[in-house]
Amino acid sequence: MKIVRLQDAPSLPLWRRPTSLLFVMAMAMPIAFATWSALLNNFVIEVAAFDGSDIGWLHTVREIPGFFAIGVIALIMFVREQVLGLVSLIMLGAATAVTAQFPQMGGILVVTMLSSIGFHYYETVNQSLQLQWIDKKKAPQTLGWILSAGSAATLVVYLLIVVSWERFGLTYSIVYWLSGGFTVVVATFCLLAYPQFEAPHPQVRQMVLRKRYWLYYALQFMSGARRQVFVVFAGFMMVEQFGFAVDEITKLFMITLLINMLVAPVLGRLVQVFGERRALIFEYVGLCLVFFAYGGIYYFGWGVVLAITLYVVNHLFFSLALAIKTYFQKIADPQDIAPTAAVAFTINHIAAVFLPALLGYVWLQSPGLVFLMAAGMAIVSLLLSMLIPRHPAPGHETVFQGRLLAAAE
């Protein structure tokens, strides 16, 4: 396989450049993952008769590979990051393809574990490659465009499901086979068609835990904990509480992704203009209000229109999470990006290992309480975001360093 230095990549045809590969991967991954997510709640309720506790356990199993994403550090000692990312993408597609062939609890958990290994190892490597291959000055807006490309691919998936599910009498098996198979084909093409890109800064191939990155670690931990509530229970609520069918829940996903596709580049530009501190403060204030309102649906009987609106708004706020990536890019030593991406992914999934199962039991007693707990997590994230300096840089990772420098002067 041909190796091309990153600084020589502009001489390649546009479609074979590193950024183009990031865009192709960003569009290939959601074909499998978005289909799996869109059909999951209906599949497990209609076929496997899951309740709130069961879905909690499923997502706990799904997040275990994320907790062990630190294993990427060991793998990149023997396999290039680019190859590992694409092989992981192939694994995600293959596991998605066979999902409907295992309609019992045990089979669903095993296939979910396999697809999750592919997803989480791909995401770990993908985040590392993005920060290595994209220029710091262009990172927020470029990441916004990459998010938009992924949203566009997901939108196509949702549109096809909405249009064809009832009209052609599709089954879970057919849709999972088609989507997973497509991702396998695209990832295999990328593995064979693109050269191996050599970043200018060789990555440290051992675990990196640096005291000066502590705020980044804390933001990642809270992001992972808070995300579990939304990923596990927001969609599940729409099916369990309001009786959404497959095409209806997919329409909701489709509307959300269409808005995200249009807004993500704008949000990336806003992060670039206003900075990570202000962007994250805005996100977490919004998420506090959203989760409190989710709780009100159960405690005060607020209706489905509000639930739909909150689902869409929640996704928009989550798009601002790219500010955590660019914050780290600004404070990190270039050679730390790959190992720290793996460590951060593991930290992000610490709560994910136990929180879905635990909250599944809380859900059986009081669904509204689950969302109020998420609001509390958003408040903690808000407090942490206030510690980000206006101009983060190595040696100026938090507002505390800024004050110490000012005192020294």
Protein backbone atom coordinates (compact mmCIF):
# COMPACT_ATOMS: atom_id res chain seq x y z
CA MET A 1 0.00 0.00 0.00
CA LYS A 2 1.41 3.37 -1.07
CA ILE A 3 2.36 5.75 1.75
CA VAL A 4 1.87 9.48 1.17
CA ARG A 5 3.07 12.20 3.51
CA LEU A 6 0.30 14.54 4.62
CA GLN A 7 2.14 17.58 3.25
CA ASP A 8 2.25 15.90 -0.19
CA ALA A 9 -1.46 15.04 -0.23
CA PRO A 10 -2.52 18.22 -2.13
CA SER A 11 -0.82 16.78 -5.23
CA LEU A 12 -3.31 13.88 -5.27
CA PRO A 13 -6.66 14.02 -7.09
CA LEU A 14 -9.27 15.68 -4.89
CA TRP A 15 -11.18 12.45 -4.22
CA ARG A 16 -8.03 10.69 -2.92
CA ARG A 17 -6.98 13.32 -0.38
CA PRO A 18 -7.15 12.79 3.42
CA THR A 19 -10.08 15.14 3.96
CA SER A 20 -12.02 13.39 1.19
CA LEU A 21 -11.45 10.06 2.92
CA LEU A 22 -12.77 11.54 6.19
CA PHE A 23 -15.91 12.65 4.35
CA VAL A 24 -16.43 9.23 2.73
CA MET A 25 -16.02 7.44 6.07
CA ALA A 26 -18.35 9.97 7.72
CA MET A 27 -21.04 9.08 5.18
CA ALA A 28 -20.43 5.31 5.21
CA MET A 29 -20.67 4.81 8.98
CA PRO A 30 -24.25 6.17 9.42
CA ILE A 31 -25.61 3.94 6.65
CA ALA A 32 -25.23 1.00 9.03
CA PHE A 33 -25.42 2.71 12.39
CA ALA A 34 -28.37 5.00 11.63
CA THR A 35 -30.38 2.07 10.26
CA TRP A 36 -29.61 0.01 13.34
CA SER A 37 -30.67 2.91 15.58
CA ALA A 38 -33.81 3.78 13.62
CA LEU A 39 -35.20 0.25 13.74
CA LEU A 40 -33.84 -0.78 17.13
CA ASN A 41 -36.63 0.33 19.48
CA ASN A 42 -39.41 -1.10 17.31
CA PHE A 43 -37.40 -4.27 16.65
CA VAL A 44 -36.72 -5.06 20.31
CA ILE A 45 -40.26 -4.17 21.44
CA GLU A 46 -42.16 -5.93 18.62
CA VAL A 47 -39.88 -8.93 18.10
CA ALA A 48 -38.12 -9.46 21.43
CA ALA A 49 -40.70 -7.88 23.81
CA PHE A 50 -38.14 -5.67 25.58
CA ASP A 51 -39.12 -3.46 28.53
CA GLY A 52 -37.24 -0.48 29.98
CA SER A 53 -34.87 -2.69 31.95
CA ASP A 54 -34.03 -4.83 28.91
CA ILE A 55 -33.23 -1.82 26.73
CA GLY A 56 -31.03 -0.48 29.52
CA TRP A 57 -29.04 -3.72 29.60
CA LEU A 58 -28.73 -3.75 25.81
CA HIS A 59 -27.19 -0.29 25.81
CA THR A 60 -24.91 -1.19 28.69
CA VAL A 61 -23.58 -4.09 26.61
CA ARG A 62 -23.32 -1.78 23.60
CA GLU A 63 -21.15 0.65 25.52
CA ILE A 64 -18.68 -1.88 26.98
CA PRO A 65 -16.40 -1.73 23.87
CA GLY A 66 -16.34 2.04 24.24
CA PHE A 67 -14.97 1.59 27.74
CA PHE A 68 -12.20 -0.58 26.28
CA ALA A 69 -11.42 1.81 23.42
CA ILE A 70 -8.08 2.27 25.13
CA GLY A 71 -7.18 -1.01 23.42
CA VAL A 72 -6.70 1.03 20.25
CA ILE A 73 -3.34 2.13 21.70
CA ALA A 74 -2.14 -1.49 21.68
CA LEU A 75 -3.52 -2.17 18.20
CA ILE A 76 -1.85 0.82 16.54
CA MET A 77 1.49 -0.63 17.59
CA PHE A 78 0.89 -3.26 14.88
CA VAL A 79 -1.73 -1.72 12.56
CA ARG A 80 -1.85 1.75 11.04
CA GLU A 81 -4.67 3.92 12.40
CA GLN A 82 -6.19 4.36 8.96
CA VAL A 83 -6.34 0.59 8.38
CA LEU A 84 -7.72 -0.07 11.86
CA GLY A 85 -10.47 2.50 11.32
CA LEU A 86 -11.61 0.98 8.04
CA VAL A 87 -11.46 -2.61 9.31
CA SER A 88 -13.57 -1.52 12.30
CA LEU A 89 -16.05 0.07 9.88
CA ILE A 90 -16.29 -3.22 8.00
CA MET A 91 -16.99 -5.01 11.29
CA LEU A 92 -19.76 -2.54 12.13
CA GLY A 93 -21.41 -3.10 8.76
CA ALA A 94 -21.17 -6.89 8.92
CA ALA A 95 -22.66 -7.08 12.43
CA THR A 96 -25.48 -4.70 11.46
CA ALA A 97 -26.29 -6.87 8.45
CA VAL A 98 -27.06 -9.94 10.57
CA THR A 99 -28.87 -8.18 13.43
CA ALA A 100 -32.36 -9.44 12.58
CA GLN A 101 -31.16 -13.04 12.37
CA PHE A 102 -30.93 -13.15 16.17
CA PRO A 103 -34.33 -12.04 17.56
CA GLN A 104 -33.82 -13.30 21.12
CA MET A 105 -32.27 -11.39 24.01
CA GLY A 106 -29.02 -13.37 24.00
CA GLY A 107 -28.50 -13.13 20.24
CA ILE A 108 -29.29 -9.43 20.16
CA LEU A 109 -26.74 -8.77 22.91
CA VAL A 110 -24.00 -10.72 21.10
CA VAL A 111 -24.55 -9.00 17.75
CA THR A 112 -24.82 -5.65 19.50
CA MET A 113 -21.46 -6.27 21.18
CA LEU A 114 -19.80 -7.07 17.82
CA SER A 115 -21.25 -4.04 16.04
CA SER A 116 -20.30 -1.89 19.00
CA ILE A 117 -16.66 -3.00 18.84
CA GLY A 118 -16.61 -1.91 15.22
CA PHE A 119 -18.36 1.39 15.94
CA HIS A 120 -16.32 2.45 18.95
CA TYR A 121 -12.93 1.50 17.53
CA TYR A 122 -13.83 3.27 14.29
CA GLU A 123 -14.93 6.40 16.17
CA THR A 124 -11.80 6.42 18.32
CA VAL A 125 -9.52 6.25 15.29
CA ASN A 126 -11.69 8.62 13.28
CA GLN A 127 -11.50 11.34 15.93
CA SER A 128 -7.73 10.94 16.09
CA LEU A 129 -7.34 11.16 12.30
CA GLN A 130 -9.58 14.23 12.10
CA LEU A 131 -7.45 16.13 14.60
CA GLN A 132 -4.20 15.02 12.91
CA TRP A 133 -5.28 15.64 9.31
CA ILE A 134 -7.28 18.91 9.62
CA ASP A 135 -5.55 22.24 10.12
CA LYS A 136 -6.30 23.87 13.50
CA LYS A 137 -7.49 27.09 11.91
CA LYS A 138 -10.01 25.28 9.74
CA ALA A 139 -10.95 22.52 12.20
CA PRO A 140 -14.26 23.82 13.65
CA GLN A 141 -15.83 24.58 10.27
CA THR A 142 -14.38 21.48 8.57
CA LEU A 143 -15.68 19.29 11.39
CA GLY A 144 -19.05 20.99 10.96
CA TRP A 145 -19.07 20.07 7.27
CA ILE A 146 -18.07 16.48 8.09
CA LEU A 147 -20.96 16.30 10.58
CA SER A 148 -23.22 17.64 7.86
CA ALA A 149 -22.03 14.96 5.43
CA GLY A 150 -22.79 12.25 7.97
CA SER A 151 -26.20 13.79 8.56
CA ALA A 152 -26.88 13.81 4.82
CA ALA A 153 -26.10 10.08 4.57
CA THR A 154 -28.31 9.38 7.56
CA LEU A 155 -31.08 11.47 6.02
CA VAL A 156 -31.00 9.30 2.90
CA VAL A 157 -31.33 6.18 5.07
CA TYR A 158 -34.30 7.60 6.97
CA LEU A 159 -35.99 8.82 3.79
CA LEU A 160 -35.69 5.41 2.17
CA ILE A 161 -37.14 3.71 5.26
CA VAL A 162 -40.07 6.15 5.48
CA VAL A 163 -40.90 5.88 1.77
CA SER A 164 -40.45 2.15 1.32
CA TRP A 165 -41.19 0.45 4.69
CA GLU A 166 -44.95 0.02 4.25
CA ARG A 167 -45.12 0.43 0.48
CA PHE A 168 -42.82 -2.52 -0.21
CA GLY A 169 -43.56 -4.49 2.95
CA LEU A 170 -39.96 -4.40 4.08
CA THR A 171 -38.79 -6.51 6.97
CA TYR A 172 -36.15 -5.85 9.62
CA SER A 173 -33.98 -8.53 8.02
CA ILE A 174 -33.99 -6.97 4.53
CA VAL A 175 -33.21 -3.47 5.74
CA TYR A 176 -30.41 -4.57 8.06
CA TRP A 177 -28.80 -6.69 5.33
CA LEU A 178 -28.89 -3.87 2.77
CA SER A 179 -27.57 -1.14 5.05
CA GLY A 180 -24.86 -3.20 6.72
CA GLY A 181 -23.75 -4.67 3.40
CA PHE A 182 -23.46 -1.22 1.83
CA THR A 183 -21.18 0.00 4.63
CA VAL A 184 -18.98 -3.09 4.22
CA VAL A 185 -18.61 -2.42 0.47
CA VAL A 186 -17.74 1.27 0.90
CA ALA A 187 -15.23 0.63 3.71
CA THR A 188 -13.57 -2.13 1.67
CA PHE A 189 -13.28 0.24 -1.30
CA CYS A 190 -11.64 2.88 0.92
CA LEU A 191 -9.22 0.30 2.27
CA LEU A 192 -8.08 -0.57 -1.25
CA ALA A 193 -8.39 2.74 -3.14
CA TYR A 194 -6.74 5.25 -0.79
CA PRO A 195 -3.02 5.53 -0.01
CA GLN A 196 -1.83 5.42 3.58
CA PHE A 197 -1.39 8.97 4.84
CA GLU A 198 1.62 9.73 7.03
CA ALA A 199 0.96 12.54 9.55
CA PRO A 200 3.91 14.87 10.27
CA HIS A 201 3.90 14.07 14.01
CA PRO A 202 4.45 10.38 14.91
CA GLN A 203 1.96 9.34 17.57
CA VAL A 204 2.91 8.08 21.02
CA ARG A 205 2.05 4.37 21.15
CA GLN A 206 1.37 4.07 24.86
CA MET A 207 -1.30 5.28 27.24
CA VAL A 208 -1.12 9.03 27.84
CA LEU A 209 -2.67 10.59 30.93
CA ARG A 210 -1.54 14.16 31.48
CA LYS A 211 -2.57 16.29 34.44
CA ARG A 212 -2.95 19.36 32.24
CA TYR A 213 -5.67 17.61 30.18
CA TRP A 214 -7.88 17.08 33.25
CA LEU A 215 -10.64 19.45 32.13
CA TYR A 216 -10.86 17.72 28.76
CA TYR A 217 -11.19 14.37 30.54
CA ALA A 218 -13.92 15.75 32.82
CA LEU A 219 -15.89 17.19 29.90
CA GLN A 220 -15.64 13.85 28.11
CA PHE A 221 -16.86 11.93 31.17
CA MET A 222 -19.91 14.16 31.63
CA SER A 223 -20.65 14.13 27.92
CA GLY A 224 -20.73 10.33 27.93
CA ALA A 225 -22.94 10.13 31.01
CA ARG A 226 -25.42 12.69 29.72
CA ARG A 227 -25.53 11.21 26.24
CA GLN A 228 -26.66 7.85 27.60
CA VAL A 229 -29.94 9.26 28.84
CA PHE A 230 -30.80 10.69 25.45
CA VAL A 231 -29.54 7.81 23.29
CA VAL A 232 -31.17 5.11 25.41
CA PHE A 233 -34.43 6.66 26.52
CA ALA A 234 -35.48 9.57 24.27
CA GLY A 235 -36.31 7.36 21.28
CA PHE A 236 -37.58 4.56 23.51
CA MET A 237 -40.02 7.04 25.07
CA MET A 238 -41.45 7.93 21.67
CA VAL A 239 -42.29 4.27 21.00
CA GLU A 240 -43.36 3.24 24.52
CA GLN A 241 -45.16 6.43 25.62
CA PHE A 242 -46.60 7.69 22.33
CA GLY A 243 -46.78 4.48 20.26
CA PHE A 244 -44.64 5.59 17.32
CA ALA A 245 -44.43 3.03 14.49
CA VAL A 246 -41.21 2.33 12.50
CA ASP A 247 -41.97 4.86 9.78
CA GLU A 248 -43.08 7.48 12.33
CA ILE A 249 -39.98 7.24 14.51
CA THR A 250 -37.87 7.27 11.34
CA LYS A 251 -39.65 10.45 10.18
CA LEU A 252 -38.65 12.05 13.48
CA PHE A 253 -35.06 10.96 12.98
CA MET A 254 -35.19 12.23 9.40
CA ILE A 255 -36.48 15.70 10.35
CA THR A 256 -33.82 15.92 13.04
CA LEU A 257 -31.03 14.97 10.67
CA LEU A 258 -32.23 17.32 7.94
CA ILE A 259 -32.05 20.22 10.37
CA ASN A 260 -28.65 19.02 11.64
CA MET A 261 -27.33 18.74 8.10
CA LEU A 262 -28.19 22.38 7.46
CA VAL A 263 -27.15 23.73 10.85
CA ALA A 264 -23.94 21.76 11.63
CA PRO A 265 -21.65 23.85 9.35
CA VAL A 266 -23.13 27.01 10.85
CA LEU A 267 -22.48 25.71 14.37
CA GLY A 268 -18.91 24.87 13.38
CA ARG A 269 -18.47 28.42 12.15
CA LEU A 270 -19.94 29.79 15.39
CA VAL A 271 -17.43 27.78 17.44
CA GLN A 272 -14.67 29.20 15.24
CA VAL A 273 -15.92 32.78 15.77
CA PHE A 274 -17.04 32.75 19.42
CA GLY A 275 -14.70 30.10 20.81
CA GLU A 276 -15.15 26.81 22.62
CA ARG A 277 -15.98 28.34 26.01
CA ARG A 278 -19.01 30.30 24.84
CA ALA A 279 -20.21 27.52 22.55
CA LEU A 280 -20.20 24.91 25.31
CA ILE A 281 -21.80 27.24 27.87
CA PHE A 282 -24.61 27.87 25.37
CA GLU A 283 -24.98 24.12 24.72
CA TYR A 284 -25.20 23.13 28.37
CA VAL A 285 -27.65 25.86 29.34
CA GLY A 286 -29.86 24.65 26.51
CA LEU A 287 -29.54 21.01 27.52
CA CYS A 288 -30.52 21.83 31.11
CA LEU A 289 -33.77 23.35 29.86
CA VAL A 290 -34.39 20.48 27.43
CA PHE A 291 -34.01 17.75 30.06
CA PHE A 292 -36.16 19.60 32.59
CA ALA A 293 -38.85 19.84 29.90
CA TYR A 294 -38.51 16.11 29.17
CA GLY A 295 -39.27 15.46 32.84
CA GLY A 296 -42.33 17.69 32.54
CA ILE A 297 -43.76 15.38 29.88
CA TYR A 298 -44.17 12.70 32.53
CA TYR A 299 -44.92 14.83 35.58
CA PHE A 300 -47.33 17.27 33.92
CA GLY A 301 -48.62 15.29 30.95
CA TRP A 302 -47.15 17.57 28.30
CA GLY A 303 -47.87 16.13 24.86
CA VAL A 304 -46.18 14.55 21.88
CA VAL A 305 -45.58 17.84 20.04
CA LEU A 306 -43.31 19.04 22.83
CA ALA A 307 -41.56 15.65 22.92
CA ILE A 308 -40.82 15.88 19.18
CA THR A 309 -39.58 19.46 19.52
CA LEU A 310 -37.29 18.55 22.40
CA TYR A 311 -35.86 15.62 20.46
CA VAL A 312 -34.91 17.89 17.56
CA VAL A 313 -33.53 20.68 19.76
CA ASN A 314 -31.53 18.17 21.81
CA HIS A 315 -29.76 16.95 18.68
CA LEU A 316 -28.90 20.51 17.68
CA PHE A 317 -27.25 21.16 21.02
CA PHE A 318 -25.29 17.92 20.78
CA SER A 319 -23.77 19.15 17.50
CA LEU A 320 -21.91 21.78 19.50
CA ALA A 321 -19.95 18.97 21.17
CA LEU A 322 -17.39 19.39 18.37
CA ALA A 323 -16.13 22.28 20.52
CA ILE A 324 -14.72 19.71 22.97
CA LYS A 325 -12.63 18.25 20.12
CA THR A 326 -11.29 21.59 18.98
CA TYR A 327 -10.58 22.62 22.58
CA PHE A 328 -8.38 19.55 22.95
CA GLN A 329 -6.74 20.16 19.56
CA LYS A 330 -5.66 23.61 20.79
CA ILE A 331 -4.18 22.45 24.10
CA ALA A 332 -2.64 19.11 23.04
CA ASP A 333 0.87 18.17 22.05
CA PRO A 334 0.51 16.92 18.42
CA GLN A 335 2.02 13.50 19.22
CA ASP A 336 -0.53 12.96 22.01
CA ILE A 337 -3.62 13.04 19.78
CA ALA A 338 -3.99 9.31 19.00
CA PRO A 339 -3.35 7.89 22.50
CA THR A 340 -5.40 10.65 24.15
CA ALA A 341 -8.29 10.02 21.76
CA ALA A 342 -8.35 6.41 22.96
CA VAL A 343 -8.09 7.40 26.63
CA ALA A 344 -10.79 10.05 26.21
CA PHE A 345 -13.11 7.58 24.50
CA THR A 346 -12.67 5.20 27.41
CA ILE A 347 -13.35 8.00 29.91
CA ASN A 348 -16.39 9.02 27.86
CA HIS A 349 -17.76 5.49 28.30
CA ILE A 350 -17.07 4.90 32.00
CA ALA A 351 -20.61 5.90 32.94
CA ALA A 352 -21.99 4.11 29.88
CA VAL A 353 -21.00 0.73 31.28
CA PHE A 354 -23.33 0.93 34.26
CA LEU A 355 -25.63 3.92 33.70
CA PRO A 356 -28.07 2.50 31.09
CA ALA A 357 -28.79 -0.62 33.17
CA LEU A 358 -29.12 1.42 36.37
CA LEU A 359 -31.38 4.01 34.75
CA GLY A 360 -33.42 1.20 33.20
CA TYR A 361 -34.55 0.24 36.71
CA VAL A 362 -35.19 3.91 37.56
CA TRP A 363 -37.26 4.14 34.36
CA LEU A 364 -39.56 1.35 35.53
CA GLN A 365 -40.35 3.39 38.66
CA SER A 366 -40.28 6.97 37.34
CA PRO A 367 -39.34 7.81 33.72
CA GLY A 368 -39.41 11.54 34.50
CA LEU A 369 -36.73 11.13 37.15
CA VAL A 370 -34.33 9.77 34.53
CA PHE A 371 -34.53 13.05 32.59
CA LEU A 372 -34.20 15.15 35.74
CA MET A 373 -30.99 13.28 36.51
CA ALA A 374 -29.78 14.17 33.01
CA ALA A 375 -30.54 17.83 33.73
CA GLY A 376 -28.29 17.57 36.79
CA MET A 377 -25.51 16.17 34.60
CA ALA A 378 -25.93 19.09 32.19
CA ILE A 379 -25.53 21.53 35.11
CA VAL A 380 -22.23 19.87 36.09
CA SER A 381 -21.08 20.12 32.45
CA LEU A 382 -22.02 23.81 32.45
CA LEU A 383 -19.86 24.47 35.51
CA LEU A 384 -16.92 22.66 33.90
CA SER A 385 -17.27 24.60 30.63
CA MET A 386 -16.86 27.85 32.54
CA LEU A 387 -13.29 26.76 33.34
CA ILE A 388 -12.27 26.82 29.65
CA PRO A 389 -10.21 29.94 28.88
CA ARG A 390 -11.24 32.21 26.01
CA HIS A 391 -8.04 31.33 24.14
CA PRO A 392 -6.95 27.80 25.10
CA ALA A 393 -3.38 26.77 24.30
CA PRO A 394 -0.63 24.54 25.73
CA GLY A 395 0.10 25.91 29.18
CA HIS A 396 -3.24 27.73 29.19
CA GLU A 397 -5.66 24.81 29.42
CA THR A 398 -7.99 26.28 32.06
CA VAL A 399 -8.83 29.68 33.51
CA PHE A 400 -6.70 28.77 36.52
CA GLN A 401 -3.51 28.80 34.43
CA GLY A 402 -4.54 32.17 33.01
CA ARG A 403 -4.88 33.64 36.50
CA LEU A 404 -1.57 32.17 37.61
CA LEU A 405 0.18 33.70 34.59
CA ALA A 406 -1.45 37.08 35.27
CA ALA A 407 -0.35 36.91 38.92
CA ALA A 408 3.20 36.04 37.90
CA GLU A 409 3.36 39.04 35.61
